[in-house]
Amino acid sequence: MSTLVNAASREAMAASQLQLLQATDGAQAAEITGLADELFGVAALLGRESTLRRALADASTDAQSRENLARGLLESKVGARALPVIVEAVRARWSSPSDLVSGLEQLARTALLVQAERAGRLDAVEDELFRLGRIIGSEVDLERLLSDPSGEPAGKTAVLDRLIEGKVEPVTLELVRQLVARPRGRRVSEGLEELAELSAKRRERSVAHIRSAFPLSAEQQDRLSRTLQRIYARPIALHLEIDPGVEGGLLIKVGDEVIDGSVTGRLQTLRRDLAD
């Protein structure tokens, strides 16, 4: 799992995560699974097609052109929940085409973890990912087989299914299937460890740090608390800070996720688009 260290890619990821949260809001489990599958599928497509990958991440072209290209290729192939997330991702400025691919994969994983979280199964998923990483890491031949970048993905996932299908949470199975199909230069045990850490970070989120240009009324705070609780499937405490620099909106940070609904954030996005 690639870590997005460049500031541009981190900003692009934050904007895409906001769109993902909107896409999963009110969705049923099957819809979230479908959304994740489509995001994984687009990431795999871009991983194979270098020309398309570069075109959709080319910061020298304007954002609308990148969006038009993505819509023209994908509008009839992905669902109504996935398309806005993909469009948001390709409109953003990534530091490299590979970061766009990594970002789409991370969004897909996040969608699956949201599903587990809402079902009250995130703890189980985290534990299973951790234990699978230890088990596979101790089996040299198995790890070599599952981590082989030249191996046929269908064959590797078939081996995996024989080992764990029906024995782990559906979300765990899907996360590991995707990792085995596209290890992207890392050992499967390392990827499982990173997935377990991602699950743990999500599980530990319980406080939203909110910057607002104006004080929020009790009704607004209650509505925001209910919305965040629906998104994260647990009670979220609100820590409020008045910041005139937010200019009329909200900046919400939960763990390492930033939900930027501020006027300032939207203006910064517009300036970036105009500078393309």
C-alpha atoms as a PDB file:
ATOM      1  CA  MET A   1       0.000   0.000   0.000  1.00  0.00           C
ATOM      2  CA  SER A   2       1.589   3.174  -1.169  1.00  0.00           C
ATOM      3  CA  THR A   3       1.755   6.023   1.315  1.00  0.00           C
ATOM      4  CA  LEU A   4       0.849   9.375  -0.197  1.00  0.00           C
ATOM      5  CA  VAL A   5       3.659  11.587   1.060  1.00  0.00           C
ATOM      6  CA  ASN A   6       3.422  14.464  -1.423  1.00  0.00           C
ATOM      7  CA  ALA A   7       1.255  17.366  -0.284  1.00  0.00           C
ATOM      8  CA  ALA A   8      -0.640  17.523  -3.585  1.00  0.00           C
ATOM      9  CA  SER A   9      -1.566  13.851  -3.373  1.00  0.00           C
ATOM     10  CA  ARG A  10      -2.629  14.172   0.262  1.00  0.00           C
ATOM     11  CA  GLU A  11      -4.950  17.037  -0.686  1.00  0.00           C
ATOM     12  CA  ALA A  12      -6.292  15.039  -3.613  1.00  0.00           C
ATOM     13  CA  MET A  13      -6.937  12.104  -1.304  1.00  0.00           C
ATOM     14  CA  ALA A  14      -8.763  14.279   1.236  1.00  0.00           C
ATOM     15  CA  ALA A  15     -11.103  15.640  -1.447  1.00  0.00           C
ATOM     16  CA  SER A  16     -11.731  12.147  -2.803  1.00  0.00           C
ATOM     17  CA  GLN A  17     -12.426  10.763   0.680  1.00  0.00           C
ATOM     18  CA  LEU A  18     -15.069  13.441   1.199  1.00  0.00           C
ATOM     19  CA  GLN A  19     -16.779  12.319  -1.998  1.00  0.00           C
ATOM     20  CA  LEU A  20     -16.480   8.691  -0.877  1.00  0.00           C
ATOM     21  CA  LEU A  21     -18.197   9.475   2.428  1.00  0.00           C
ATOM     22  CA  GLN A  22     -21.041  11.087   0.503  1.00  0.00           C
ATOM     23  CA  ALA A  23     -21.234   8.072  -1.818  1.00  0.00           C
ATOM     24  CA  THR A  24     -21.500   5.611   1.078  1.00  0.00           C
ATOM     25  CA  ASP A  25     -23.968   7.676   3.094  1.00  0.00           C
ATOM     26  CA  GLY A  26     -27.197   5.695   3.302  1.00  0.00           C
ATOM     27  CA  ALA A  27     -25.854   2.862   1.133  1.00  0.00           C
ATOM     28  CA  GLN A  28     -26.663  -0.776   1.815  1.00  0.00           C
ATOM     29  CA  ALA A  29     -23.870  -3.303   2.319  1.00  0.00           C
ATOM     30  CA  ALA A  30     -24.209  -4.707  -1.198  1.00  0.00           C
ATOM     31  CA  GLU A  31     -24.018  -1.208  -2.666  1.00  0.00           C
ATOM     32  CA  ILE A  32     -20.808  -0.444  -0.752  1.00  0.00           C
ATOM     33  CA  THR A  33     -19.296  -3.751  -1.884  1.00  0.00           C
ATOM     34  CA  GLY A  34     -20.188  -2.870  -5.465  1.00  0.00           C
ATOM     35  CA  LEU A  35     -18.677   0.590  -5.067  1.00  0.00           C
ATOM     36  CA  ALA A  36     -15.425  -0.886  -3.737  1.00  0.00           C
ATOM     37  CA  ASP A  37     -15.302  -3.470  -6.554  1.00  0.00           C
ATOM     38  CA  GLU A  38     -15.676  -0.739  -9.162  1.00  0.00           C
ATOM     39  CA  LEU A  39     -12.970   1.426  -7.581  1.00  0.00           C
ATOM     40  CA  PHE A  40     -10.625  -1.569  -7.454  1.00  0.00           C
ATOM     41  CA  GLY A  41     -11.498  -2.305 -11.076  1.00  0.00           C
ATOM     42  CA  VAL A  42     -10.693   1.222 -12.258  1.00  0.00           C
ATOM     43  CA  ALA A  43      -7.433   1.180 -10.283  1.00  0.00           C
ATOM     44  CA  ALA A  44      -6.515  -2.113 -11.976  1.00  0.00           C
ATOM     45  CA  LEU A  45      -7.383  -0.675 -15.396  1.00  0.00           C
ATOM     46  CA  LEU A  46      -5.145   2.348 -14.820  1.00  0.00           C
ATOM     47  CA  GLY A  47      -2.410   0.082 -13.502  1.00  0.00           C
ATOM     48  CA  ARG A  48      -2.423  -1.794 -16.826  1.00  0.00           C
ATOM     49  CA  GLU A  49      -2.969   1.135 -19.193  1.00  0.00           C
ATOM     50  CA  SER A  50      -0.076   3.539 -18.769  1.00  0.00           C
ATOM     51  CA  THR A  51      -1.270   5.986 -21.450  1.00  0.00           C
ATOM     52  CA  LEU A  52      -4.689   6.323 -19.848  1.00  0.00           C
ATOM     53  CA  ARG A  53      -3.152   6.540 -16.381  1.00  0.00           C
ATOM     54  CA  ARG A  54      -0.939   9.440 -17.445  1.00  0.00           C
ATOM     55  CA  ALA A  55      -3.788  11.210 -19.240  1.00  0.00           C
ATOM     56  CA  LEU A  56      -6.103  11.097 -16.229  1.00  0.00           C
ATOM     57  CA  ALA A  57      -3.374  12.310 -13.854  1.00  0.00           C
ATOM     58  CA  ASP A  58      -1.821  14.904 -16.172  1.00  0.00           C
ATOM     59  CA  ALA A  59      -1.706  18.164 -14.197  1.00  0.00           C
ATOM     60  CA  SER A  60      -0.843  20.081 -17.372  1.00  0.00           C
ATOM     61  CA  THR A  61      -4.384  19.554 -18.706  1.00  0.00           C
ATOM     62  CA  ASP A  62      -7.418  21.229 -17.178  1.00  0.00           C
ATOM     63  CA  ALA A  63      -9.546  19.356 -14.673  1.00  0.00           C
ATOM     64  CA  GLN A  64     -12.654  19.490 -16.874  1.00  0.00           C
ATOM     65  CA  SER A  65     -10.826  17.721 -19.705  1.00  0.00           C
ATOM     66  CA  ARG A  66      -9.727  14.948 -17.347  1.00  0.00           C
ATOM     67  CA  GLU A  67     -13.267  14.637 -16.045  1.00  0.00           C
ATOM     68  CA  ASN A  68     -14.681  14.457 -19.576  1.00  0.00           C
ATOM     69  CA  LEU A  69     -12.230  11.698 -20.462  1.00  0.00           C
ATOM     70  CA  ALA A  70     -13.137   9.688 -17.353  1.00  0.00           C
ATOM     71  CA  ARG A  71     -16.858  10.122 -17.943  1.00  0.00           C
ATOM     72  CA  GLY A  72     -16.583   9.165 -21.588  1.00  0.00           C
ATOM     73  CA  LEU A  73     -14.767   5.950 -20.722  1.00  0.00           C
ATOM     74  CA  LEU A  74     -16.522   4.922 -17.519  1.00  0.00           C
ATOM     75  CA  GLU A  75     -20.000   6.458 -17.255  1.00  0.00           C
ATOM     76  CA  SER A  76     -21.697   3.411 -18.761  1.00  0.00           C
ATOM     77  CA  LYS A  77     -19.439   0.944 -16.936  1.00  0.00           C
ATOM     78  CA  VAL A  78     -19.629   1.964 -13.267  1.00  0.00           C
ATOM     79  CA  GLY A  79     -22.512   2.733 -10.944  1.00  0.00           C
ATOM     80  CA  ALA A  80     -23.953   6.014  -9.767  1.00  0.00           C
ATOM     81  CA  ARG A  81     -22.090   5.792  -6.453  1.00  0.00           C
ATOM     82  CA  ALA A  82     -18.662   5.076  -7.916  1.00  0.00           C
ATOM     83  CA  LEU A  83     -18.656   7.587 -10.767  1.00  0.00           C
ATOM     84  CA  PRO A  84     -18.625  10.784  -8.621  1.00  0.00           C
ATOM     85  CA  VAL A  85     -15.747   9.372  -6.541  1.00  0.00           C
ATOM     86  CA  ILE A  86     -13.733   8.569  -9.666  1.00  0.00           C
ATOM     87  CA  VAL A  87     -14.518  11.974 -11.170  1.00  0.00           C
ATOM     88  CA  GLU A  88     -13.409  13.736  -7.979  1.00  0.00           C
ATOM     89  CA  ALA A  89     -10.188  11.734  -8.023  1.00  0.00           C
ATOM     90  CA  VAL A  90      -9.285  12.515 -11.641  1.00  0.00           C
ATOM     91  CA  ARG A  91     -10.154  16.198 -11.229  1.00  0.00           C
ATOM     92  CA  ALA A  92      -7.721  16.460  -8.316  1.00  0.00           C
ATOM     93  CA  ARG A  93      -4.006  17.104  -8.707  1.00  0.00           C
ATOM     94  CA  TRP A  94      -1.859  14.088  -7.840  1.00  0.00           C
ATOM     95  CA  SER A  95       1.911  14.229  -7.594  1.00  0.00           C
ATOM     96  CA  SER A  96       2.226  11.276  -9.990  1.00  0.00           C
ATOM     97  CA  PRO A  97       0.008   8.940 -12.031  1.00  0.00           C
ATOM     98  CA  SER A  98       0.921   6.080  -9.689  1.00  0.00           C
ATOM     99  CA  ASP A  99      -0.467   8.089  -6.753  1.00  0.00           C
ATOM    100  CA  LEU A 100      -3.818   8.281  -8.551  1.00  0.00           C
ATOM    101  CA  VAL A 101      -3.861   4.480  -8.779  1.00  0.00           C
ATOM    102  CA  SER A 102      -2.834   4.129  -5.124  1.00  0.00           C
ATOM    103  CA  GLY A 103      -5.475   6.652  -4.136  1.00  0.00           C
ATOM    104  CA  LEU A 104      -8.267   4.751  -5.902  1.00  0.00           C
ATOM    105  CA  GLU A 105      -7.164   1.522  -4.229  1.00  0.00           C
ATOM    106  CA  GLN A 106      -7.130   3.219  -0.830  1.00  0.00           C
ATOM    107  CA  LEU A 107     -10.614   4.615  -1.436  1.00  0.00           C
ATOM    108  CA  ALA A 108     -11.848   1.105  -2.277  1.00  0.00           C
ATOM    109  CA  ARG A 109     -10.336  -0.293   0.928  1.00  0.00           C
ATOM    110  CA  THR A 110     -11.866   2.529   2.941  1.00  0.00           C
ATOM    111  CA  ALA A 111     -15.286   1.762   1.474  1.00  0.00           C
ATOM    112  CA  LEU A 112     -15.007  -1.860   2.603  1.00  0.00           C
ATOM    113  CA  LEU A 113     -13.908  -0.803   6.083  1.00  0.00           C
ATOM    114  CA  VAL A 114     -16.880   1.565   6.259  1.00  0.00           C
ATOM    115  CA  GLN A 115     -19.087  -1.438   5.499  1.00  0.00           C
ATOM    116  CA  ALA A 116     -17.489  -3.491   8.282  1.00  0.00           C
ATOM    117  CA  GLU A 117     -17.717  -0.565  10.678  1.00  0.00           C
ATOM    118  CA  ARG A 118     -21.427  -0.043  10.093  1.00  0.00           C
ATOM    119  CA  ALA A 119     -22.048  -3.754  10.606  1.00  0.00           C
ATOM    120  CA  GLY A 120     -20.155  -3.672  13.904  1.00  0.00           C
ATOM    121  CA  ARG A 121     -17.511  -6.050  12.509  1.00  0.00           C
ATOM    122  CA  LEU A 122     -14.480  -3.768  12.208  1.00  0.00           C
ATOM    123  CA  ASP A 123     -12.763  -5.269  15.268  1.00  0.00           C
ATOM    124  CA  ALA A 124     -13.116  -8.755  13.779  1.00  0.00           C
ATOM    125  CA  VAL A 125     -11.738  -7.615  10.410  1.00  0.00           C
ATOM    126  CA  GLU A 126      -8.739  -5.971  12.065  1.00  0.00           C
ATOM    127  CA  ASP A 127      -7.973  -9.110  14.086  1.00  0.00           C
ATOM    128  CA  GLU A 128      -8.314 -11.403  11.071  1.00  0.00           C
ATOM    129  CA  LEU A 129      -6.045  -9.262   8.909  1.00  0.00           C
ATOM    130  CA  PHE A 130      -3.417  -9.217  11.640  1.00  0.00           C
ATOM    131  CA  ARG A 131      -3.550 -12.978  12.195  1.00  0.00           C
ATOM    132  CA  LEU A 132      -3.522 -13.760   8.470  1.00  0.00           C
ATOM    133  CA  GLY A 133      -0.436 -11.592   8.058  1.00  0.00           C
ATOM    134  CA  ARG A 134       1.365 -13.601  10.742  1.00  0.00           C
ATOM    135  CA  ILE A 135       0.240 -16.947   9.325  1.00  0.00           C
ATOM    136  CA  ILE A 136       1.131 -16.197   5.704  1.00  0.00           C
ATOM    137  CA  GLY A 137       4.401 -14.560   6.740  1.00  0.00           C
ATOM    138  CA  SER A 138       5.429 -17.779   8.480  1.00  0.00           C
ATOM    139  CA  GLU A 139       4.689 -19.929   5.405  1.00  0.00           C
ATOM    140  CA  VAL A 140       7.531 -19.115   3.005  1.00  0.00           C
ATOM    141  CA  ASP A 141       6.253 -21.065   0.004  1.00  0.00           C
ATOM    142  CA  LEU A 142       2.692 -19.801   0.403  1.00  0.00           C
ATOM    143  CA  GLU A 143       3.796 -16.201   0.673  1.00  0.00           C
ATOM    144  CA  ARG A 144       6.060 -16.553  -2.345  1.00  0.00           C
ATOM    145  CA  LEU A 145       3.140 -17.923  -4.358  1.00  0.00           C
ATOM    146  CA  LEU A 146       0.639 -15.284  -3.268  1.00  0.00           C
ATOM    147  CA  SER A 147       3.104 -12.384  -3.630  1.00  0.00           C
ATOM    148  CA  ASP A 148       4.404 -13.356  -7.083  1.00  0.00           C
ATOM    149  CA  PRO A 149       3.701 -10.345  -9.358  1.00  0.00           C
ATOM    150  CA  SER A 150       3.896 -12.589 -12.416  1.00  0.00           C
ATOM    151  CA  GLY A 151       1.346 -15.051 -11.028  1.00  0.00           C
ATOM    152  CA  GLU A 152      -2.120 -15.266 -12.563  1.00  0.00           C
ATOM    153  CA  PRO A 153      -4.464 -13.296 -10.245  1.00  0.00           C
ATOM    154  CA  ALA A 154      -7.318 -15.783 -10.684  1.00  0.00           C
ATOM    155  CA  GLY A 155      -5.079 -18.682  -9.717  1.00  0.00           C
ATOM    156  CA  LYS A 156      -3.740 -16.910  -6.648  1.00  0.00           C
ATOM    157  CA  THR A 157      -7.180 -15.874  -5.434  1.00  0.00           C
ATOM    158  CA  ALA A 158      -8.407 -19.464  -5.959  1.00  0.00           C
ATOM    159  CA  VAL A 159      -5.631 -20.681  -3.637  1.00  0.00           C
ATOM    160  CA  LEU A 160      -6.574 -18.017  -1.118  1.00  0.00           C
ATOM    161  CA  ASP A 161     -10.269 -18.908  -1.273  1.00  0.00           C
ATOM    162  CA  ARG A 162      -9.518 -22.552  -0.517  1.00  0.00           C
ATOM    163  CA  LEU A 163      -7.633 -21.448   2.569  1.00  0.00           C
ATOM    164  CA  ILE A 164      -9.932 -18.855   4.126  1.00  0.00           C
ATOM    165  CA  GLU A 165     -13.296 -18.569   2.344  1.00  0.00           C
ATOM    166  CA  GLY A 166     -16.092 -19.130   4.857  1.00  0.00           C
ATOM    167  CA  LYS A 167     -13.647 -18.762   7.747  1.00  0.00           C
ATOM    168  CA  VAL A 168     -13.291 -14.966   7.830  1.00  0.00           C
ATOM    169  CA  GLU A 169     -15.505 -11.915   7.518  1.00  0.00           C
ATOM    170  CA  PRO A 170     -16.649 -11.132   3.930  1.00  0.00           C
ATOM    171  CA  VAL A 171     -14.847  -7.775   4.105  1.00  0.00           C
ATOM    172  CA  THR A 172     -11.629  -9.482   5.196  1.00  0.00           C
ATOM    173  CA  LEU A 173     -11.887 -11.940   2.310  1.00  0.00           C
ATOM    174  CA  GLU A 174     -12.438  -9.166  -0.252  1.00  0.00           C
ATOM    175  CA  LEU A 175      -9.556  -7.039   1.086  1.00  0.00           C
ATOM    176  CA  VAL A 176      -7.157  -9.996   0.969  1.00  0.00           C
ATOM    177  CA  ARG A 177      -8.362 -11.078  -2.477  1.00  0.00           C
ATOM    178  CA  GLN A 178      -7.604  -7.642  -3.873  1.00  0.00           C
ATOM    179  CA  LEU A 179      -4.203  -7.560  -2.188  1.00  0.00           C
ATOM    180  CA  VAL A 180      -3.246 -10.981  -3.572  1.00  0.00           C
ATOM    181  CA  ALA A 181      -4.485 -10.111  -7.059  1.00  0.00           C
ATOM    182  CA  ARG A 182      -2.395  -6.913  -7.149  1.00  0.00           C
ATOM    183  CA  PRO A 183       0.415  -7.007  -4.562  1.00  0.00           C
ATOM    184  CA  ARG A 184       2.202  -4.159  -6.393  1.00  0.00           C
ATOM    185  CA  GLY A 185       5.726  -5.093  -5.392  1.00  0.00           C
ATOM    186  CA  ARG A 186       5.174  -5.919  -1.735  1.00  0.00           C
ATOM    187  CA  ARG A 187       4.911  -9.173   0.168  1.00  0.00           C
ATOM    188  CA  VAL A 188       1.368 -10.165   1.046  1.00  0.00           C
ATOM    189  CA  SER A 189       2.256 -10.348   4.752  1.00  0.00           C
ATOM    190  CA  GLU A 190       3.406  -6.701   4.589  1.00  0.00           C
ATOM    191  CA  GLY A 191       0.219  -5.680   2.820  1.00  0.00           C
ATOM    192  CA  LEU A 192      -1.880  -7.468   5.436  1.00  0.00           C
ATOM    193  CA  GLU A 193      -0.042  -5.687   8.220  1.00  0.00           C
ATOM    194  CA  GLU A 194      -0.748  -2.334   6.565  1.00  0.00           C
ATOM    195  CA  LEU A 195      -4.416  -3.250   6.127  1.00  0.00           C
ATOM    196  CA  ALA A 196      -4.643  -4.184   9.811  1.00  0.00           C
ATOM    197  CA  GLU A 197      -3.118  -0.812  10.728  1.00  0.00           C
ATOM    198  CA  LEU A 198      -5.618   0.970   8.465  1.00  0.00           C
ATOM    199  CA  SER A 199      -8.449  -0.898  10.195  1.00  0.00           C
ATOM    200  CA  ALA A 200      -7.063  -0.013  13.627  1.00  0.00           C
ATOM    201  CA  LYS A 201      -6.828   3.676  12.756  1.00  0.00           C
ATOM    202  CA  ARG A 202     -10.432   3.699  11.642  1.00  0.00           C
ATOM    203  CA  ARG A 203     -11.595   1.834  14.753  1.00  0.00           C
ATOM    204  CA  GLU A 204      -9.863   4.325  17.059  1.00  0.00           C
ATOM    205  CA  ARG A 205     -11.589   7.397  15.628  1.00  0.00           C
ATOM    206  CA  SER A 206     -14.067   8.825  18.097  1.00  0.00           C
ATOM    207  CA  VAL A 207     -13.477  12.604  18.100  1.00  0.00           C
ATOM    208  CA  ALA A 208     -14.222  15.096  15.330  1.00  0.00           C
ATOM    209  CA  HIS A 209     -12.174  18.305  15.431  1.00  0.00           C
ATOM    210  CA  ILE A 210     -14.294  20.983  13.765  1.00  0.00           C
ATOM    211  CA  ARG A 211     -13.297  24.469  12.671  1.00  0.00           C
ATOM    212  CA  SER A 212     -16.189  26.770  11.815  1.00  0.00           C
ATOM    213  CA  ALA A 213     -16.375  30.431  10.842  1.00  0.00           C
ATOM    214  CA  PHE A 214     -19.317  30.945  13.219  1.00  0.00           C
ATOM    215  CA  PRO A 215     -20.661  29.222  16.334  1.00  0.00           C
ATOM    216  CA  LEU A 216     -22.905  26.260  15.574  1.00  0.00           C
ATOM    217  CA  SER A 217     -26.341  26.178  17.166  1.00  0.00           C
ATOM    218  CA  ALA A 218     -27.325  23.239  19.324  1.00  0.00           C
ATOM    219  CA  GLU A 219     -29.550  21.997  16.485  1.00  0.00           C
ATOM    220  CA  GLN A 220     -26.673  22.234  13.982  1.00  0.00           C
ATOM    221  CA  GLN A 221     -24.334  20.408  16.351  1.00  0.00           C
ATOM    222  CA  ASP A 222     -26.892  17.667  16.904  1.00  0.00           C
ATOM    223  CA  ARG A 223     -27.454  17.259  13.154  1.00  0.00           C
ATOM    224  CA  LEU A 224     -23.703  17.146  12.501  1.00  0.00           C
ATOM    225  CA  SER A 225     -23.197  14.617  15.308  1.00  0.00           C
ATOM    226  CA  ARG A 226     -25.911  12.359  13.860  1.00  0.00           C
ATOM    227  CA  THR A 227     -24.381  12.601  10.376  1.00  0.00           C
ATOM    228  CA  LEU A 228     -20.900  11.709  11.605  1.00  0.00           C
ATOM    229  CA  GLN A 229     -22.274   8.871  13.719  1.00  0.00           C
ATOM    230  CA  ARG A 230     -23.995   7.463  10.617  1.00  0.00           C
ATOM    231  CA  ILE A 231     -20.772   7.723   8.602  1.00  0.00           C
ATOM    232  CA  TYR A 232     -18.486   6.202  11.251  1.00  0.00           C
ATOM    233  CA  ALA A 233     -21.003   3.842  12.881  1.00  0.00           C
ATOM    234  CA  ARG A 234     -20.158   5.016  16.395  1.00  0.00           C
ATOM    235  CA  PRO A 235     -20.795   8.056  18.608  1.00  0.00           C
ATOM    236  CA  ILE A 236     -18.463  10.904  17.650  1.00  0.00           C
ATOM    237  CA  ALA A 237     -17.624  13.651  20.129  1.00  0.00           C
ATOM    238  CA  LEU A 238     -17.442  17.165  18.661  1.00  0.00           C
ATOM    239  CA  HIS A 239     -14.549  19.500  19.503  1.00  0.00           C
ATOM    240  CA  LEU A 240     -15.506  22.912  18.120  1.00  0.00           C
ATOM    241  CA  GLU A 241     -13.169  25.793  17.273  1.00  0.00           C
ATOM    242  CA  ILE A 242     -14.174  29.156  15.825  1.00  0.00           C
ATOM    243  CA  ASP A 243     -11.888  30.148  12.945  1.00  0.00           C
ATOM    244  CA  PRO A 244     -12.866  33.129  10.735  1.00  0.00           C
ATOM    245  CA  GLY A 245     -10.368  31.886   8.153  1.00  0.00           C
ATOM    246  CA  VAL A 246     -12.742  29.054   7.277  1.00  0.00           C
ATOM    247  CA  GLU A 247     -14.959  31.709   5.638  1.00  0.00           C
ATOM    248  CA  GLY A 248     -18.444  30.393   6.027  1.00  0.00           C
ATOM    249  CA  GLY A 249     -18.117  26.626   6.023  1.00  0.00           C
ATOM    250  CA  LEU A 250     -16.805  23.736   8.067  1.00  0.00           C
ATOM    251  CA  LEU A 251     -13.478  21.959   8.243  1.00  0.00           C
ATOM    252  CA  ILE A 252     -13.871  18.574   9.938  1.00  0.00           C
ATOM    253  CA  LYS A 253     -11.023  16.259  10.900  1.00  0.00           C
ATOM    254  CA  VAL A 254     -11.697  12.759  12.220  1.00  0.00           C
ATOM    255  CA  GLY A 255      -8.458  10.877  12.818  1.00  0.00           C
ATOM    256  CA  ASP A 256      -6.392  11.431   9.675  1.00  0.00           C
ATOM    257  CA  GLU A 257      -9.430  12.061   7.462  1.00  0.00           C
ATOM    258  CA  VAL A 258     -10.168  15.682   6.555  1.00  0.00           C
ATOM    259  CA  ILE A 259     -13.638  16.693   5.346  1.00  0.00           C
ATOM    260  CA  ASP A 260     -13.259  20.170   3.906  1.00  0.00           C
ATOM    261  CA  GLY A 261     -16.610  21.843   3.295  1.00  0.00           C
ATOM    262  CA  SER A 262     -15.292  25.355   3.801  1.00  0.00           C
ATOM    263  CA  VAL A 263     -15.520  28.227   1.341  1.00  0.00           C
ATOM    264  CA  THR A 264     -11.739  28.536   1.655  1.00  0.00           C
ATOM    265  CA  GLY A 265     -11.303  24.903   0.691  1.00  0.00           C
ATOM    266  CA  ARG A 266     -13.550  25.265  -2.331  1.00  0.00           C
ATOM    267  CA  LEU A 267     -11.721  28.443  -3.429  1.00  0.00           C
ATOM    268  CA  GLN A 268      -8.366  26.681  -3.110  1.00  0.00           C
ATOM    269  CA  THR A 269      -9.675  23.823  -5.258  1.00  0.00           C
ATOM    270  CA  LEU A 270     -10.917  26.337  -7.855  1.00  0.00           C
ATOM    271  CA  ARG A 271      -7.542  28.100  -7.907  1.00  0.00           C
ATOM    272  CA  ARG A 272      -5.781  24.776  -8.430  1.00  0.00           C
ATOM    273  CA  ASP A 273      -8.135  23.946 -11.294  1.00  0.00           C
ATOM    274  CA  LEU A 274      -7.570  27.330 -12.924  1.00  0.00           C
ATOM    275  CA  ALA A 275      -3.811  26.882 -12.598  1.00  0.00           C
ATOM    276  CA  ASP A 276      -3.936  23.538 -14.466  1.00  0.00           C
END
